[in-house]
Protein backbone atom coordinates (compact mmCIF):
# COMPACT_ATOMS: atom_id res chain seq x y z
CA MET A 1 0.13 -0.11 0.08
CA ARG A 2 2.69 2.18 0.97
CA ILE A 3 4.64 1.89 -2.77
CA LEU A 4 1.25 2.85 -4.33
CA ILE A 5 0.83 5.96 -2.28
CA PHE A 6 4.20 6.99 -3.20
CA THR A 7 4.01 6.18 -6.80
CA ALA A 8 0.75 8.63 -6.79
CA ILE A 9 2.43 11.17 -4.93
CA LEU A 10 5.66 10.89 -7.43
CA LEU A 11 3.18 11.20 -10.38
CA VAL A 12 1.36 14.35 -9.18
CA ASN A 13 3.99 15.84 -7.17
CA SER A 14 6.45 18.20 -9.29
CA SER A 15 8.40 19.91 -6.81
CA PHE A 16 11.77 19.78 -9.03
CA ALA A 17 11.15 22.94 -11.16
CA GLN A 18 13.01 23.40 -14.11
CA ASN A 19 15.24 26.34 -14.52
CA LYS A 20 15.18 26.91 -18.43
CA ASN A 21 18.72 28.17 -18.50
CA GLU A 22 20.09 25.13 -17.46
CA SER A 23 19.60 21.20 -18.21
CA VAL A 24 18.19 18.48 -15.87
CA ALA A 25 21.47 17.13 -15.13
CA THR A 26 23.11 20.13 -14.02
CA GLN A 27 20.19 20.90 -12.10
CA LEU A 28 20.51 17.36 -10.58
CA SER A 29 24.23 17.94 -9.91
CA VAL A 30 23.05 21.34 -7.86
CA ILE A 31 20.70 19.43 -5.73
CA ASP A 32 23.06 16.41 -4.99
CA ASN A 33 26.16 18.72 -4.46
CA GLY A 34 25.04 21.74 -2.81
CA ALA A 35 26.69 24.22 -5.64
CA TYR A 36 26.68 24.91 -9.52
CA VAL A 37 29.30 22.87 -10.65
CA GLY A 38 29.03 23.97 -14.26
CA SER A 39 27.23 22.65 -17.01
CA LYS A 40 30.49 21.25 -19.07
CA SER A 41 31.85 19.45 -15.68
CA GLN A 42 32.44 15.70 -15.65
CA ILE A 43 29.85 15.29 -12.81
CA VAL A 44 27.08 16.66 -14.74
CA SER A 45 28.30 14.01 -17.85
CA LYS A 46 27.21 11.58 -15.49
CA TYR A 47 24.05 12.64 -14.83
CA LYS A 48 23.38 13.35 -18.77
CA ILE A 49 24.39 9.64 -19.40
CA VAL A 50 22.25 8.08 -16.88
CA LEU A 51 19.52 10.66 -17.53
CA SER A 52 19.70 9.48 -21.41
CA SER A 53 19.69 5.67 -20.65
CA LEU A 54 16.77 5.86 -18.45
CA THR A 55 14.68 7.97 -20.43
CA LYS A 56 15.28 5.13 -23.33
CA LYS A 57 14.11 2.33 -20.97
CA PHE A 58 11.44 3.77 -19.25
CA LYS A 59 9.96 6.12 -22.15
CA LEU A 60 10.12 9.37 -20.08
CA LYS A 61 11.27 12.79 -20.34
CA GLU A 62 14.31 13.72 -18.79
CA ILE A 63 12.25 16.52 -16.26
CA GLU A 64 10.08 13.41 -15.42
CA ILE A 65 13.09 11.42 -14.45
CA GLY A 66 14.62 14.36 -12.53
CA ASP A 67 11.41 15.04 -11.06
CA GLN A 68 10.78 11.77 -9.56
CA SER A 69 14.50 10.90 -8.63
CA ALA A 70 14.71 14.37 -6.66
CA TYR A 71 11.25 13.86 -4.79
CA THR A 72 12.81 10.27 -4.15
CA LYS A 73 15.98 11.77 -2.47
CA GLN A 74 13.88 14.17 -0.61
CA THR A 75 11.55 11.59 1.11
CA LEU A 76 14.38 9.38 1.80
CA SER A 77 15.97 12.33 3.44
CA GLU A 78 12.94 14.10 5.51
CA GLU A 79 11.04 10.56 6.38
CA TYR A 80 13.63 8.16 6.95
CA GLY A 81 16.79 10.18 7.53
CA ILE A 82 18.51 8.71 4.85
CA GLU A 83 20.96 10.49 2.59
CA GLU A 84 21.54 9.35 -0.96
CA ALA A 85 22.68 10.84 -4.06
CA ILE A 86 20.22 11.31 -7.05
CA LEU A 87 23.06 9.98 -9.15
CA ASN A 88 23.24 6.89 -6.96
CA ILE A 89 19.65 6.13 -7.09
CA MET A 90 19.53 6.62 -10.77
CA GLU A 91 22.71 4.82 -11.52
CA GLY A 92 21.22 1.53 -9.19
CA LEU A 93 18.07 1.50 -11.00
CA ASP A 94 19.72 1.85 -14.43
CA GLU A 95 22.04 -0.68 -13.88
CA ILE A 96 19.21 -3.40 -13.15
CA SER A 97 16.90 -1.85 -15.62
CA ASP A 98 17.22 -3.05 -19.43
CA ASN A 99 15.10 -2.07 -22.72
CA LYS A 100 12.46 -4.73 -21.67
CA MET A 101 11.32 -3.11 -18.58
CA GLY A 102 7.75 -3.66 -20.39
CA LYS A 103 4.96 -1.93 -18.25
CA THR A 104 7.22 -1.59 -15.20
CA LYS A 105 7.21 2.48 -14.42
CA TYR A 106 10.41 4.20 -13.21
CA SER A 107 8.10 5.25 -10.10
CA GLU A 108 7.37 2.03 -9.25
CA CYS A 109 11.19 1.08 -9.22
CA LEU A 110 11.66 4.11 -7.01
CA GLY A 111 8.52 3.31 -4.79
CA TYR A 112 10.53 -0.41 -4.14
CA TYR A 113 13.69 1.29 -3.55
CA VAL A 114 12.10 3.66 -0.94
CA LEU A 115 10.59 0.45 1.05
CA ALA A 116 13.69 -1.40 0.85
CA ARG A 117 15.74 1.56 2.30
CA SER A 118 13.03 2.20 4.85
CA LYS A 119 13.45 -1.28 6.07
CA GLY A 120 16.90 -0.60 6.82
CA TYR A 121 18.68 -2.16 3.71
CA THR A 122 21.88 -0.17 2.22
CA HIS A 123 21.70 1.49 -1.14
CA GLY A 124 23.58 -2.00 -2.41
CA GLN A 125 20.95 -4.42 -0.71
CA ALA A 126 18.09 -2.53 -2.02
CA ILE A 127 19.57 -2.57 -5.79
CA TYR A 128 20.49 -5.94 -5.65
CA SER A 129 16.74 -6.72 -3.90
CA LEU A 130 14.99 -4.80 -7.01
CA ARG A 131 17.00 -6.83 -9.57
CA THR A 132 16.31 -10.06 -7.81
CA ILE A 133 12.50 -8.73 -8.00
CA PHE A 134 12.72 -7.69 -11.79
CA HIS A 135 14.68 -11.05 -12.88
CA ALA A 136 11.64 -13.13 -10.96
CA LEU A 137 9.30 -11.15 -12.91
CA LYS A 138 10.79 -11.62 -16.48
CA LYS A 139 10.63 -15.29 -16.19
């Protein structure tokens, strides 16, 4: 039930307001790093790469991936006292997903990730758990 509520909130909450002068990747890096690092930096390049991959796999726009990922970071921090970088979350979900995600939504993946983290799983354990779930669903 908590996953459904979290997923619904992700889909309607757009707390990540896009600055038209900066890319989504740059904005996410600012949220994670607490400061502007420059749109051409290696850090921002990492965000661009993973955003590109996730948009293809989940058939979403970069801003949607950014919104949902930023909200996940905020939820983990405010509700569970867990600090995790948006980049780590996105890279973890990118690692376990493929181009055959079918009807699996990015928001659902994030919901399962938050649930695992709220139960005391580390980032690595949560990603491993999600990988196991997705692998079982594909059989």
